[in-house]
Amino acid sequence: MTRTAQDFMDEVSKVSAHNYHPIPVVIAKGEGAWVTDVEGKKYIDMLSAYSAVNQGHRHPKIIAAAKRQMDVLTLTSRAFHNDQMGPFLAKFTKLAGYDKALPMNTGAEGVETAIKAARRWGYKAKKVPDGKAEIIVCENNFHGRTTTIVGFSTDPLSNGGFGPFTPGFKIIPYGDAKALSAAITPNTVAFLVEPIQGEAGVMVPPAGYLKQCYEITKKNNVLLIADEIQTGLGRTGRMFCHEYDGIKPDIVIVGKALGGGLYPVSAILANDDIMNAAFEPGNHGSTFGGNPLACAIASAALDVIVDEKLCDRSLEMGEYFMGRLRGIKTDKIKEVRGKGLLIAIEIKKEAGRARQYTESLMKEGVLAKETHETTIRFAPPLVITKADIDWAVEKITTVL
């Protein structure tokens, strides 16, 4: 008997923890910027798995790289060397302009790795008293779901009932460089920041904010850690969003699209002075981090971004998309904001909740996801075409 979408959703409701509130669609196939549900209806994907599918669904070059590697070797652990990690990290570090990379699996692992690196650098290089290291973060941040990370979230939904939390974090307003300067103490080792706050609703800081923060951290011998898990790898129209400010953070955290939409791959990038101070054999690791399958996939994922000029494409298509959205004649839109193909429509409070719009968009064939009460986020695969955007804007206009 053929199973319906409702059958699949009922099953998940029964056997899975209810830690998500998905849009009621059951996807069975994907290609490029489009997906198809179990009943054969096509949708344009305007979320890209939270920017993990920048290269598009099932990109043939990445699929081919994965299949080749699966035929020979998939996992060794870091107890042994493999022939894929070195070439991948050499390519990645050259592309990003850093001495070293440390590969992990998930974005949250990348953030945890950066936190550990900054603290240990602080104790060894900056000579902060043991156990006193402070890291400054921003209000409305989203850096992951571990207990340490949610402990410095300001979202009660993220951390309610999960304490006690790890000490050593100080929270300041986002987009306020003066607040950063005022918060720094002799024990401050790092400032962890998203170049654009994605989960907070695609909050774009004032022009020059990151550059100001960089100058403040340099003046005070504090590391600047850029969380580029969602904003990196072409999403905002540059390889990394921090490039708009002409700076080079001390540590960059990358994930999501590094796995090409196939496999969880994350990493931190930093130079030797930080990496050598922070890590030695046995003090950090991961069974799957740097595994040969992940490295083969991530290497191909980088190639696709570079070879297909997806950063340039993101910039061009993002400007076109935002222009079309701003041209929609409706009294329900408060603001359209974004950079590259990381875009949000802010709905006026009196116009209702964003969720009602994302569910209506689904019925029209557009898959987007609300964040918080009034924001609809649009972050399609970077391979999207103008024709795709025109089709989607027609449906968005209908719904609004």
Protein backbone atom coordinates (compact mmCIF):
# COMPACT_ATOMS: atom_id res chain seq x y z
CA MET A 1 0.00 0.00 0.00
CA THR A 2 1.30 3.45 -0.94
CA ARG A 3 2.09 5.62 2.05
CA THR A 4 0.86 9.21 2.09
CA ALA A 5 2.68 12.26 3.38
CA GLN A 6 0.43 12.19 6.43
CA ASP A 7 1.46 8.58 7.13
CA PHE A 8 5.12 9.60 7.25
CA MET A 9 4.42 12.63 9.44
CA ASP A 10 2.30 10.59 11.84
CA GLU A 11 5.09 8.04 12.13
CA VAL A 12 7.67 10.69 12.98
CA SER A 13 5.33 12.18 15.56
CA LYS A 14 5.04 8.79 17.20
CA VAL A 15 8.69 7.65 17.19
CA SER A 16 10.72 10.89 17.29
CA ALA A 17 11.24 13.45 20.02
CA HIS A 18 9.24 16.58 19.20
CA ASN A 19 12.22 18.94 19.04
CA TYR A 20 11.27 20.40 15.64
CA HIS A 21 8.15 21.95 14.16
CA PRO A 22 8.61 21.15 10.46
CA ILE A 23 6.64 22.60 7.59
CA PRO A 24 4.14 19.80 6.78
CA VAL A 25 5.82 18.44 3.65
CA VAL A 26 7.61 15.10 3.20
CA ILE A 27 10.47 15.41 0.73
CA ALA A 28 11.57 12.37 -1.24
CA LYS A 29 13.81 13.71 -4.04
CA GLY A 30 16.02 16.70 -4.74
CA GLU A 31 17.94 18.14 -7.65
CA GLY A 32 19.55 21.56 -7.92
CA ALA A 33 17.25 24.16 -6.35
CA TRP A 34 14.18 21.92 -6.47
CA VAL A 35 12.75 19.08 -4.37
CA THR A 36 9.84 16.68 -4.85
CA ASP A 37 7.58 15.29 -2.13
CA VAL A 38 6.38 11.71 -1.68
CA GLU A 39 3.23 12.48 -3.65
CA GLY A 40 5.11 13.88 -6.65
CA LYS A 41 4.64 17.63 -6.12
CA LYS A 42 7.67 19.84 -6.88
CA TYR A 43 8.81 22.72 -4.69
CA ILE A 44 11.57 25.28 -4.89
CA ASP A 45 13.86 24.97 -1.89
CA MET A 46 14.30 28.37 -0.25
CA LEU A 47 16.10 27.09 2.86
CA SER A 48 18.97 24.93 1.53
CA ALA A 49 19.01 22.96 4.80
CA TYR A 50 19.99 26.17 6.63
CA SER A 51 22.70 26.85 3.99
CA ALA A 52 24.13 23.32 3.97
CA VAL A 53 23.03 22.83 0.35
CA ASN A 54 24.68 25.90 -1.21
CA GLN A 55 25.84 23.81 -4.18
CA GLY A 56 22.33 22.51 -4.83
CA HIS A 57 20.81 19.13 -4.10
CA ARG A 58 22.85 16.15 -5.27
CA HIS A 59 25.43 18.12 -7.22
CA PRO A 60 26.81 15.53 -9.70
CA LYS A 61 30.48 16.35 -9.04
CA ILE A 62 30.08 15.99 -5.29
CA ILE A 63 28.02 12.81 -5.66
CA ALA A 64 30.70 11.36 -7.94
CA ALA A 65 33.47 12.20 -5.46
CA ALA A 66 31.50 10.52 -2.66
CA LYS A 67 30.89 7.38 -4.71
CA ARG A 68 34.56 7.11 -5.71
CA GLN A 69 35.64 7.37 -2.10
CA MET A 70 32.98 4.98 -0.83
CA ASP A 71 34.39 2.34 -3.16
CA VAL A 72 37.82 2.43 -1.51
CA LEU A 73 37.82 3.77 2.08
CA THR A 74 35.36 5.56 4.35
CA LEU A 75 36.72 5.68 7.91
CA THR A 76 40.04 5.15 9.66
CA SER A 77 39.75 7.41 12.73
CA ARG A 78 42.60 9.81 13.47
CA ALA A 79 44.57 6.95 15.04
CA PHE A 80 45.98 6.52 11.53
CA HIS A 81 46.63 8.79 8.56
CA ASN A 82 44.48 8.63 5.45
CA ASP A 83 45.23 9.83 1.92
CA GLN A 84 42.35 12.35 1.71
CA MET A 85 42.70 14.65 4.72
CA GLY A 86 46.04 16.23 3.79
CA PRO A 87 45.08 17.17 0.23
CA PHE A 88 41.70 18.52 1.38
CA LEU A 89 43.15 20.67 4.16
CA ALA A 90 45.94 21.91 1.87
CA LYS A 91 43.30 23.07 -0.62
CA PHE A 92 41.08 24.57 2.08
CA THR A 93 43.82 26.47 3.92
CA LYS A 94 45.21 27.87 0.67
CA LEU A 95 41.74 29.01 -0.40
CA ALA A 96 41.02 30.64 2.96
CA GLY A 97 44.52 32.01 3.60
CA TYR A 98 45.31 30.30 6.92
CA ASP A 99 48.16 28.06 8.05
CA LYS A 100 46.07 25.25 9.44
CA ALA A 101 42.58 23.79 9.66
CA LEU A 102 41.18 21.37 12.21
CA PRO A 103 38.36 19.22 10.77
CA MET A 104 35.37 18.10 12.78
CA ASN A 105 31.82 17.06 11.86
CA THR A 106 29.05 19.41 12.94
CA GLY A 107 28.86 23.17 13.24
CA ALA A 108 28.43 22.94 17.00
CA GLU A 109 31.63 20.89 17.19
CA GLY A 110 33.36 23.60 15.20
CA VAL A 111 32.21 26.23 17.70
CA GLU A 112 33.26 24.09 20.66
CA THR A 113 36.66 23.57 19.03
CA ALA A 114 37.09 27.33 18.57
CA ILE A 115 36.13 27.96 22.21
CA LYS A 116 38.69 25.41 23.40
CA ALA A 117 41.35 26.87 21.10
CA ALA A 118 40.74 30.42 22.32
CA ARG A 119 40.80 29.46 26.00
CA ARG A 120 43.99 27.45 25.74
CA TRP A 121 45.67 30.16 23.66
CA GLY A 122 44.63 32.61 26.36
CA TYR A 123 46.29 30.55 29.10
CA LYS A 124 49.45 29.68 27.17
CA ALA A 125 50.07 32.79 25.03
CA LYS A 126 48.25 35.65 26.79
CA LYS A 127 49.00 34.27 30.28
CA VAL A 128 45.44 34.64 31.58
CA PRO A 129 45.18 33.05 35.06
CA ASP A 130 44.05 29.43 34.87
CA GLY A 131 40.27 29.07 34.88
CA LYS A 132 39.64 32.80 34.37
CA ALA A 133 39.35 33.05 30.58
CA GLU A 134 36.38 35.09 29.32
CA ILE A 135 34.79 34.97 25.89
CA ILE A 136 32.45 37.75 24.73
CA VAL A 137 29.38 36.85 22.67
CA CYS A 138 26.36 38.76 21.33
CA GLU A 139 22.69 38.89 22.24
CA ASN A 140 20.45 36.82 19.96
CA ASN A 141 23.38 34.70 18.86
CA PHE A 142 22.98 31.19 17.50
CA HIS A 143 26.14 29.10 17.59
CA GLY A 144 24.74 25.59 18.15
CA ARG A 145 22.95 23.31 20.56
CA THR A 146 25.49 21.90 23.02
CA THR A 147 25.00 22.73 26.69
CA THR A 148 27.98 25.11 26.69
CA ILE A 149 26.70 26.96 23.62
CA VAL A 150 23.07 27.27 24.67
CA GLY A 151 24.33 28.49 28.02
CA PHE A 152 25.38 31.77 26.42
CA SER A 153 22.25 32.06 24.26
CA THR A 154 19.69 34.74 25.09
CA ASP A 155 16.86 32.67 23.60
CA PRO A 156 14.87 31.08 26.44
CA LEU A 157 13.58 28.44 24.04
CA SER A 158 17.16 27.29 23.39
CA ASN A 159 18.36 27.09 26.99
CA GLY A 160 15.27 26.84 29.19
CA GLY A 161 15.59 23.88 31.53
CA PHE A 162 19.02 22.78 30.29
CA GLY A 163 21.25 24.34 32.97
CA PRO A 164 23.50 24.62 34.87
CA PHE A 165 25.69 26.23 32.24
CA THR A 166 29.37 26.68 31.59
CA PRO A 167 30.74 29.93 33.05
CA GLY A 168 33.17 32.25 31.28
CA PHE A 169 30.94 34.06 28.78
CA LYS A 170 29.86 37.69 28.68
CA ILE A 171 26.93 38.84 26.51
CA ILE A 172 26.81 42.24 24.75
CA PRO A 173 24.41 43.80 22.18
CA TYR A 174 24.99 42.81 18.55
CA GLY A 175 26.20 45.49 16.15
CA ASP A 176 27.58 47.69 18.94
CA ALA A 177 31.37 47.99 18.74
CA LYS A 178 31.49 50.35 21.74
CA ALA A 179 29.85 47.65 23.88
CA LEU A 180 32.61 45.25 22.85
CA SER A 181 35.30 47.72 23.84
CA ALA A 182 33.66 48.32 27.22
CA ALA A 183 33.26 44.60 27.94
CA ILE A 184 36.91 43.61 27.46
CA THR A 185 38.96 42.87 30.58
CA PRO A 186 42.51 41.54 31.03
CA ASN A 187 41.00 38.04 31.13
CA THR A 188 39.16 38.35 27.81
CA VAL A 189 40.55 35.83 25.32
CA ALA A 190 38.08 36.08 22.43
CA PHE A 191 35.06 37.70 20.84
CA LEU A 192 32.80 35.17 19.09
CA VAL A 193 30.46 36.71 16.52
CA GLU A 194 28.33 35.92 13.47
CA PRO A 195 29.00 38.32 10.56
CA ILE A 196 25.22 38.20 10.00
CA GLN A 197 22.93 36.67 12.61
CA GLY A 198 21.02 34.10 10.58
CA GLU A 199 18.79 32.39 13.12
CA ALA A 200 18.01 35.71 14.78
CA GLY A 201 16.28 36.74 11.57
CA VAL A 202 19.07 37.63 9.11
CA MET A 203 20.19 40.58 11.20
CA VAL A 204 22.78 42.55 9.23
CA PRO A 205 25.02 44.71 11.45
CA PRO A 206 25.94 48.33 10.61
CA ALA A 207 28.49 48.77 7.82
CA GLY A 208 32.03 48.48 9.14
CA TYR A 209 31.00 46.75 12.36
CA LEU A 210 33.30 43.75 11.96
CA LYS A 211 36.22 45.98 11.00
CA GLN A 212 35.70 48.04 14.16
CA CYS A 213 35.52 44.86 16.23
CA TYR A 214 38.68 43.56 14.62
CA GLU A 215 40.57 46.75 15.46
CA ILE A 216 39.32 46.64 19.06
CA THR A 217 40.37 43.01 19.51
CA LYS A 218 43.82 43.64 18.01
CA LYS A 219 44.36 46.60 20.33
CA ASN A 220 43.51 44.43 23.36
CA ASN A 221 45.25 41.16 22.36
CA VAL A 222 41.90 39.38 22.03
CA LEU A 223 41.06 36.81 19.36
CA LEU A 224 38.27 37.56 16.89
CA ILE A 225 36.34 34.37 16.11
CA ALA A 226 34.01 34.58 13.11
CA ASP A 227 31.24 31.99 13.03
CA GLU A 228 30.85 31.56 9.26
CA ILE A 229 28.98 28.26 9.49
CA GLN A 230 25.90 29.74 7.83
CA THR A 231 27.36 32.85 6.18
CA GLY A 232 30.45 31.24 4.68
CA LEU A 233 31.21 29.42 1.44
CA GLY A 234 29.45 31.84 -0.88
CA ARG A 235 26.16 32.35 0.91
CA THR A 236 26.48 36.14 1.22
CA GLY A 237 28.21 36.82 -2.11
CA ARG A 238 31.79 36.31 -0.91
CA MET A 239 33.63 33.15 0.03
CA PHE A 240 33.39 34.44 3.62
CA CYS A 241 31.14 37.24 4.82
CA HIS A 242 33.95 38.88 6.79
CA GLU A 243 35.63 39.73 3.47
CA TYR A 244 33.19 42.62 3.10
CA ASP A 245 35.03 44.32 5.98
CA GLY A 246 38.49 43.57 4.61
CA ILE A 247 39.59 41.73 7.75
CA LYS A 248 41.10 38.36 8.61
CA PRO A 249 39.63 36.91 11.82
CA ASP A 250 41.97 34.98 14.09
CA ILE A 251 39.71 31.93 13.93
CA VAL A 252 37.04 31.15 11.33
CA ILE A 253 34.46 28.44 11.95
CA VAL A 254 33.03 26.72 8.87
CA GLY A 255 30.45 23.95 8.46
CA LYS A 256 27.16 23.31 6.67
CA ALA A 257 28.00 23.82 2.95
CA LEU A 258 31.48 22.37 3.51
CA GLY A 259 29.73 18.99 3.32
CA GLY A 260 28.18 19.79 -0.05
CA GLY A 261 24.72 18.79 1.12
CA LEU A 262 25.85 15.18 1.52
CA TYR A 263 27.67 14.75 4.79
CA PRO A 264 28.40 16.66 8.01
CA VAL A 265 31.80 18.38 7.75
CA SER A 266 33.03 21.32 9.81
CA ALA A 267 36.36 22.89 10.64
CA ILE A 268 38.12 25.80 12.24
CA LEU A 269 40.77 27.80 10.39
CA ALA A 270 43.61 29.60 12.21
CA ASN A 271 47.30 30.31 11.95
CA ASP A 272 50.14 28.43 13.61
CA ASP A 273 50.45 30.71 16.64
CA ILE A 274 46.91 29.77 17.75
CA MET A 275 46.80 26.16 16.59
CA ASN A 276 50.19 25.29 18.10
CA ALA A 277 49.29 26.90 21.42
CA ALA A 278 45.91 25.23 21.61
CA PHE A 279 46.36 21.65 20.49
CA GLU A 280 48.69 18.76 21.19
CA PRO A 281 48.23 15.00 20.73
CA GLY A 282 45.40 13.73 22.90
CA ASN A 283 43.79 16.99 24.07
CA HIS A 284 41.10 17.23 21.38
CA GLY A 285 39.67 14.96 18.73
CA SER A 286 36.81 13.15 17.05
CA THR A 287 36.37 9.60 15.75
CA PHE A 288 34.83 10.87 12.51
CA GLY A 289 36.64 14.22 12.24
CA GLY A 290 38.79 14.31 9.09
CA ASN A 291 37.56 10.93 7.86
CA PRO A 292 38.41 10.14 4.22
CA LEU A 293 34.82 10.19 2.98
CA ALA A 294 34.20 13.60 4.57
CA CYS A 295 37.43 15.00 3.14
CA ALA A 296 36.73 13.75 -0.39
CA ILE A 297 33.24 15.25 -0.26
CA ALA A 298 34.39 18.56 1.22
CA SER A 299 37.18 18.88 -1.34
CA ALA A 300 34.66 18.46 -4.16
CA ALA A 301 32.26 20.86 -2.42
CA LEU A 302 34.95 23.56 -2.43
CA ASP A 303 35.77 22.86 -6.09
CA VAL A 304 32.16 23.39 -7.09
CA ILE A 305 31.97 26.75 -5.29
CA VAL A 306 35.17 27.95 -6.97
CA ASP A 307 34.76 26.41 -10.42
CA GLU A 308 31.14 27.47 -10.84
CA LYS A 309 31.80 30.95 -9.38
CA LEU A 310 28.99 30.50 -6.88
CA CYS A 311 30.11 33.48 -4.79
CA ASP A 312 29.59 35.80 -7.76
CA ARG A 313 26.35 34.07 -8.58
CA SER A 314 25.11 34.49 -5.01
CA LEU A 315 25.84 38.21 -5.13
CA GLU A 316 24.09 38.68 -8.48
CA MET A 317 21.07 36.51 -7.73
CA GLY A 318 20.76 37.94 -4.22
CA GLU A 319 20.59 41.52 -5.47
CA TYR A 320 18.05 40.47 -8.10
CA PHE A 321 15.94 38.52 -5.59
CA MET A 322 15.90 41.31 -2.99
CA GLY A 323 15.01 43.81 -5.71
CA ARG A 324 12.04 41.69 -6.76
CA LEU A 325 10.90 41.22 -3.16
CA ARG A 326 11.09 44.95 -2.45
CA GLY A 327 8.91 45.51 -5.49
CA ILE A 328 6.00 43.49 -4.09
CA LYS A 329 3.03 45.79 -3.50
CA THR A 330 1.68 44.90 -0.08
CA ASP A 331 1.20 46.62 3.26
CA LYS A 332 2.30 43.49 5.16
CA ILE A 333 6.07 43.82 4.65
CA LYS A 334 8.02 45.86 7.20
CA GLU A 335 11.46 45.26 5.65
CA VAL A 336 13.43 43.15 3.18
CA ARG A 337 17.05 42.69 4.28
CA GLY A 338 20.01 40.47 3.60
CA LYS A 339 23.29 40.00 1.80
CA GLY A 340 23.85 37.72 -1.17
CA LEU A 341 21.34 34.89 -0.98
CA LEU A 342 20.79 35.16 2.78
CA ILE A 343 17.56 37.15 2.77
CA ALA A 344 14.66 37.83 5.11
CA ILE A 345 11.24 39.41 4.85
CA GLU A 346 10.13 40.99 8.11
CA ILE A 347 6.35 40.85 8.42
CA LYS A 348 4.55 43.62 10.29
CA LYS A 349 3.27 42.38 13.64
CA GLU A 350 -0.32 43.30 12.80
CA ALA A 351 -0.08 41.14 9.65
CA GLY A 352 0.08 37.93 11.69
CA ARG A 353 2.72 35.32 12.37
CA ALA A 354 5.37 34.30 9.87
CA ARG A 355 4.37 30.65 10.24
CA GLN A 356 1.02 31.18 8.52
CA TYR A 357 2.89 32.61 5.53
CA THR A 358 5.45 29.80 5.29
CA GLU A 359 2.68 27.21 5.38
CA SER A 360 0.80 29.12 2.66
CA LEU A 361 3.99 29.34 0.62
CA MET A 362 4.36 25.56 0.87
CA LYS A 363 0.93 25.14 -0.70
CA GLU A 364 2.12 27.36 -3.57
CA GLY A 365 5.29 25.28 -4.07
CA VAL A 366 7.81 27.45 -2.18
CA LEU A 367 9.60 25.96 0.84
CA ALA A 368 10.81 28.64 3.23
CA LYS A 369 11.03 28.66 7.01
CA GLU A 370 10.02 31.22 9.57
CA THR A 371 12.42 32.25 12.29
CA HIS A 372 10.95 33.80 15.43
CA GLU A 373 7.48 35.28 15.11
CA THR A 374 7.70 37.72 12.21
CA THR A 375 10.57 36.74 9.92
CA ILE A 376 10.48 34.62 6.76
CA ARG A 377 13.96 33.57 5.67
CA PHE A 378 14.91 32.86 2.06
CA ALA A 379 18.25 31.14 1.45
CA PRO A 380 17.99 29.08 -1.74
CA PRO A 381 20.83 27.02 -3.23
CA LEU A 382 23.36 29.28 -4.92
CA VAL A 383 22.68 27.54 -8.24
CA ILE A 384 19.23 29.15 -8.42
CA THR A 385 18.39 30.93 -11.69
CA LYS A 386 16.57 34.18 -12.43
CA ALA A 387 13.73 32.12 -13.89
CA ASP A 388 13.50 30.20 -10.60
CA ILE A 389 13.44 33.45 -8.65
CA ASP A 390 10.77 34.95 -10.91
CA TRP A 391 8.61 31.85 -10.42
CA ALA A 392 9.08 32.01 -6.64
CA VAL A 393 8.39 35.74 -6.40
CA GLU A 394 5.11 35.24 -8.24
CA LYS A 395 4.06 32.73 -5.57
CA ILE A 396 5.37 34.91 -2.72
CA THR A 397 3.39 37.85 -4.10
CA THR A 398 0.25 35.72 -4.21
CA VAL A 399 0.66 34.71 -0.58
CA LEU A 400 1.44 38.21 0.67
